[in-house]
Protein backbone atom coordinates (compact mmCIF):
# COMPACT_ATOMS: atom_id res chain seq x y z
CA MET A 1 -99.20 65.82 55.63
CA LYS A 2 -95.14 66.67 56.07
CA GLN A 3 -93.98 69.70 53.86
CA LEU A 4 -90.44 69.60 54.35
CA THR A 5 -87.50 67.20 54.41
CA ILE A 6 -84.47 67.89 56.52
CA PHE A 7 -81.86 66.24 54.61
CA THR A 8 -78.59 65.62 56.34
CA PRO A 9 -75.82 63.49 54.64
CA THR A 10 -73.57 62.23 57.15
CA PHE A 11 -70.10 60.32 57.26
CA ASN A 12 -68.80 59.17 60.73
CA ARG A 13 -70.29 62.07 62.52
CA ALA A 14 -72.21 60.11 65.39
CA TYR A 15 -70.31 62.60 67.63
CA THR A 16 -72.17 65.44 65.96
CA LEU A 17 -75.53 63.99 65.15
CA PRO A 18 -77.10 64.18 68.52
CA ARG A 19 -77.12 68.37 68.47
CA LEU A 20 -79.02 68.25 65.49
CA TYR A 21 -81.47 65.67 66.64
CA ARG A 22 -82.06 67.67 69.65
CA SER A 23 -82.53 70.67 67.80
CA LEU A 24 -85.28 69.07 65.81
CA LEU A 25 -87.01 67.97 68.93
CA GLU A 26 -87.09 71.88 70.07
CA GLN A 27 -89.55 72.74 66.99
CA ASP A 28 -92.99 73.56 67.58
CA THR A 29 -94.23 71.84 64.39
CA SER A 30 -94.30 67.93 63.28
CA LEU A 31 -94.79 69.29 59.55
CA PHE A 32 -91.03 67.97 58.64
CA VAL A 33 -89.27 64.67 58.07
CA TRP A 34 -85.61 64.05 59.29
CA MET A 35 -83.88 61.97 56.13
CA VAL A 36 -80.38 60.74 57.29
CA VAL A 37 -78.22 59.22 54.18
CA ASP A 38 -75.41 57.46 55.82
CA ASP A 39 -72.28 57.55 53.32
CA GLY A 40 -70.72 54.23 54.60
CA SER A 41 -70.14 55.39 58.24
CA THR A 42 -67.66 52.90 60.02
CA ASP A 43 -68.87 54.62 63.52
CA ASN A 44 -72.18 53.83 65.48
CA THR A 45 -74.29 56.04 63.19
CA ARG A 46 -76.63 53.17 62.40
CA GLU A 47 -77.50 52.45 65.79
CA LEU A 48 -77.99 56.04 66.95
CA ILE A 49 -80.67 56.66 64.39
CA ALA A 50 -82.24 53.24 65.07
CA LYS A 51 -82.55 54.28 68.61
CA TRP A 52 -83.95 57.78 67.58
CA LYS A 53 -86.61 56.01 65.12
CA ALA A 54 -87.71 53.51 68.06
CA ASP A 55 -88.09 56.56 70.33
CA GLU A 56 -90.58 58.06 67.83
CA ARG A 57 -90.58 61.34 68.86
CA ILE A 58 -89.87 62.92 65.26
CA ASP A 59 -90.31 61.37 61.72
CA ILE A 60 -86.94 59.87 60.60
CA ARG A 61 -86.06 58.17 57.35
CA TYR A 62 -82.70 56.47 57.10
CA PHE A 63 -80.67 55.49 54.12
CA TYR A 64 -77.39 53.74 53.67
CA GLN A 65 -74.78 53.80 50.85
CA GLU A 66 -71.55 52.80 50.25
CA ASN A 67 -69.16 55.59 50.58
CA ALA A 68 -69.46 57.67 47.67
CA GLY A 69 -69.30 61.36 48.81
CA LYS A 70 -71.84 63.94 50.09
CA MET A 71 -72.96 64.82 46.35
CA GLN A 72 -74.25 61.27 45.83
CA ALA A 73 -75.85 61.27 49.02
CA HIS A 74 -77.44 64.57 48.02
CA ASN A 75 -78.70 62.41 44.90
CA LEU A 76 -80.14 59.69 46.64
CA GLY A 77 -81.88 62.40 48.95
CA ALA A 78 -83.55 64.04 46.32
CA ARG A 79 -84.81 61.01 44.60
CA GLU A 80 -86.34 59.61 47.92
CA CYS A 81 -87.70 62.99 49.12
CA ASP A 82 -91.58 62.87 49.32
CA THR A 83 -92.32 66.37 50.81
CA GLU A 84 -92.72 69.66 48.75
CA LEU A 85 -89.48 71.31 50.21
CA PHE A 86 -85.77 69.78 50.39
CA LEU A 87 -83.33 71.36 53.14
CA CYS A 88 -79.99 70.51 53.36
CA CYS A 89 -78.89 70.42 57.04
CA ASP A 90 -75.11 69.18 57.42
CA SER A 91 -74.20 66.79 60.20
CA ASP A 92 -72.29 69.71 61.89
CA ASP A 93 -75.45 72.05 61.48
CA TRP A 94 -78.50 72.64 63.55
CA MET A 95 -81.87 73.78 63.44
CA LEU A 96 -82.24 77.20 65.73
CA PRO A 97 -85.21 76.66 68.28
CA GLN A 98 -88.76 76.87 67.06
CA SER A 99 -87.38 78.10 63.60
CA ILE A 100 -89.11 75.47 61.02
CA ARG A 101 -92.72 76.87 61.30
CA PRO A 102 -92.00 80.63 60.73
CA MET A 103 -89.90 79.85 57.86
CA LEU A 104 -92.69 77.46 56.20
CA ASP A 105 -95.25 80.19 57.04
CA TYR A 106 -93.10 82.75 55.34
CA TRP A 107 -93.05 80.28 52.18
CA ASN A 108 -96.78 79.81 51.98
CA ALA A 109 -97.43 83.61 52.22
CA ASN A 110 -94.85 84.66 49.84
CA ARG A 111 -94.65 81.62 47.38
CA ARG A 112 -95.15 82.30 43.44
CA GLU A 113 -94.38 80.77 40.30
CA GLY A 114 -90.73 80.54 39.05
CA LEU A 115 -89.23 80.06 42.61
CA CYS A 116 -86.94 77.13 43.13
CA GLY A 117 -87.47 77.74 47.10
CA ILE A 118 -86.55 79.75 50.01
CA ILE A 119 -82.96 80.91 51.00
CA GLY A 120 -81.96 82.39 54.35
CA PRO A 121 -78.84 83.19 56.27
CA ARG A 122 -77.05 80.61 58.30
CA TYR A 123 -75.66 81.44 61.82
CA ILE A 124 -71.97 80.56 62.76
CA PRO A 125 -71.47 81.38 66.34
CA ARG A 126 -67.95 82.25 65.79
CA ASN A 127 -68.59 85.08 63.30
CA LYS A 128 -68.82 88.37 64.79
CA ILE A 129 -69.66 90.09 61.47
CA ASP A 130 -72.93 89.29 59.12
CA SER A 131 -74.65 91.31 56.24
CA LEU A 132 -77.83 90.20 57.39
CA GLU A 133 -79.77 93.51 56.82
CA THR A 134 -78.84 93.15 53.25
CA LEU A 135 -81.44 90.26 52.88
CA SER A 136 -84.21 92.53 53.25
CA ARG A 137 -83.74 94.55 50.21
CA LYS A 138 -85.21 92.18 47.98
CA LYS A 139 -87.95 89.58 48.46
CA TYR A 140 -87.05 87.72 45.33
CA ASN A 141 -83.61 87.26 44.02
CA THR A 142 -81.30 84.59 42.52
CA MET A 143 -78.84 82.72 44.69
CA ALA A 144 -75.65 84.74 43.24
CA GLY A 145 -77.59 87.82 43.26
CA LEU A 146 -77.55 87.96 47.20
CA TYR A 147 -73.93 88.15 47.04
CA ARG A 148 -74.00 90.76 44.15
CA ASP A 149 -76.48 92.68 46.49
CA GLY A 150 -74.01 92.76 49.26
CA TYR A 151 -74.69 89.65 51.36
CA PHE A 152 -71.76 87.79 52.61
CA GLY A 153 -71.66 84.54 54.72
CA GLU A 154 -73.37 81.06 54.56
CA THR A 155 -76.71 80.21 53.66
CA ALA A 156 -79.68 77.57 54.42
CA ILE A 157 -81.57 76.66 51.06
CA ALA A 158 -85.12 74.75 51.07
CA PHE A 159 -85.50 73.88 47.38
CA LEU A 160 -88.61 72.81 45.61
CA THR A 161 -88.09 68.68 45.62
CA ASP A 162 -89.56 68.88 42.07
CA VAL A 163 -86.75 71.37 40.98
CA ILE A 164 -83.61 69.95 43.05
CA ARG A 165 -84.21 66.64 41.19
CA GLN A 166 -83.78 68.43 37.89
CA TYR A 167 -80.30 69.05 38.81
CA PRO A 168 -78.41 66.06 39.75
CA PHE A 169 -74.61 66.26 40.66
CA PRO A 170 -72.63 64.09 38.37
CA LYS A 171 -71.01 60.79 39.04
CA ILE A 172 -67.18 61.01 38.33
CA GLU A 173 -65.23 58.11 38.76
CA GLY A 174 -62.76 58.60 41.67
CA GLU A 175 -64.54 61.95 42.68
CA LYS A 176 -66.46 62.35 45.88
CA PHE A 177 -66.74 65.97 46.21
CA ILE A 178 -68.16 68.48 43.77
CA THR A 179 -69.15 72.08 44.76
CA GLU A 180 -72.64 73.18 45.37
CA ASP A 181 -72.21 75.92 43.09
CA TYR A 182 -72.11 73.60 40.01
CA ILE A 183 -75.73 73.02 40.28
CA TYR A 184 -76.74 76.47 41.87
CA CYS A 185 -75.49 78.38 38.87
CA GLN A 186 -77.64 76.16 36.66
CA ILE A 187 -80.55 76.77 38.79
CA ASP A 188 -80.05 80.35 38.58
CA GLU A 189 -80.26 80.64 35.08
CA LYS A 190 -84.22 79.62 35.25
CA TYR A 191 -85.47 80.20 38.73
CA GLN A 192 -85.55 83.13 41.31
CA ILE A 193 -85.54 82.24 45.06
CA LEU A 194 -87.67 83.59 47.94
CA VAL A 195 -85.25 85.68 50.43
CA TYR A 196 -85.88 84.46 54.07
CA PRO A 197 -84.23 87.67 56.07
CA LYS A 198 -83.90 85.50 59.50
CA TYR A 199 -81.74 82.87 60.80
CA CYS A 200 -82.85 79.22 60.78
CA MET A 201 -80.00 76.99 60.79
CA GLY A 202 -76.87 77.10 62.95
CA CYS A 203 -73.55 75.71 61.64
CA GLU A 204 -69.98 74.81 63.29
CA TYR A 205 -67.58 73.67 61.09
CA GLN A 206 -65.55 70.37 61.97
CA ASP A 207 -61.98 69.61 61.54
CA ASP A 208 -63.10 66.47 59.28
CA GLY A 209 -65.18 68.62 57.19
CA TYR A 210 -64.39 69.58 53.71
CA THR A 211 -64.03 73.14 54.69
């Protein structure tokens, strides 16, 4: 039975998706589903995903929506997710080799009541400095608490699907971008998160991204 959905919202990113796909082929577990929500792409994203689905090397679910922005794609993905955990891995991200199984093992060994999921650092190749060592100070924290305790940098978060569904992004006419902090601050008020002090995801921001 699958435990993790790797959710990828994408818009005209057929040129970056192959790297992410290859990284999923490098995993040593099949306990995950790759869910792609296509936010109205006009490139060959649909055909690319169809080919990979036909190859049947990993479990892929594909959804298409008219262009509405990443946050509405996130809402769709959370609604359709049927695994315990929901991890957003953007189209310019990739999973590090054989990183999924250790993360799931850590989650299964350390989970407890009152958690919203598991959080770890995201590896950015061009960054020369990181604060990875600060993550070993507390096994349980809040997302904001990580930064108050000295962590800096990007994170990868696998939320419990039952939790993330409780905090959908609002739909605002004419607005396609809402910062993730909008829901993270709300989740922090009620839940802690398990801290995973190892890299599991890489990231390389693109010129056509929000950042």
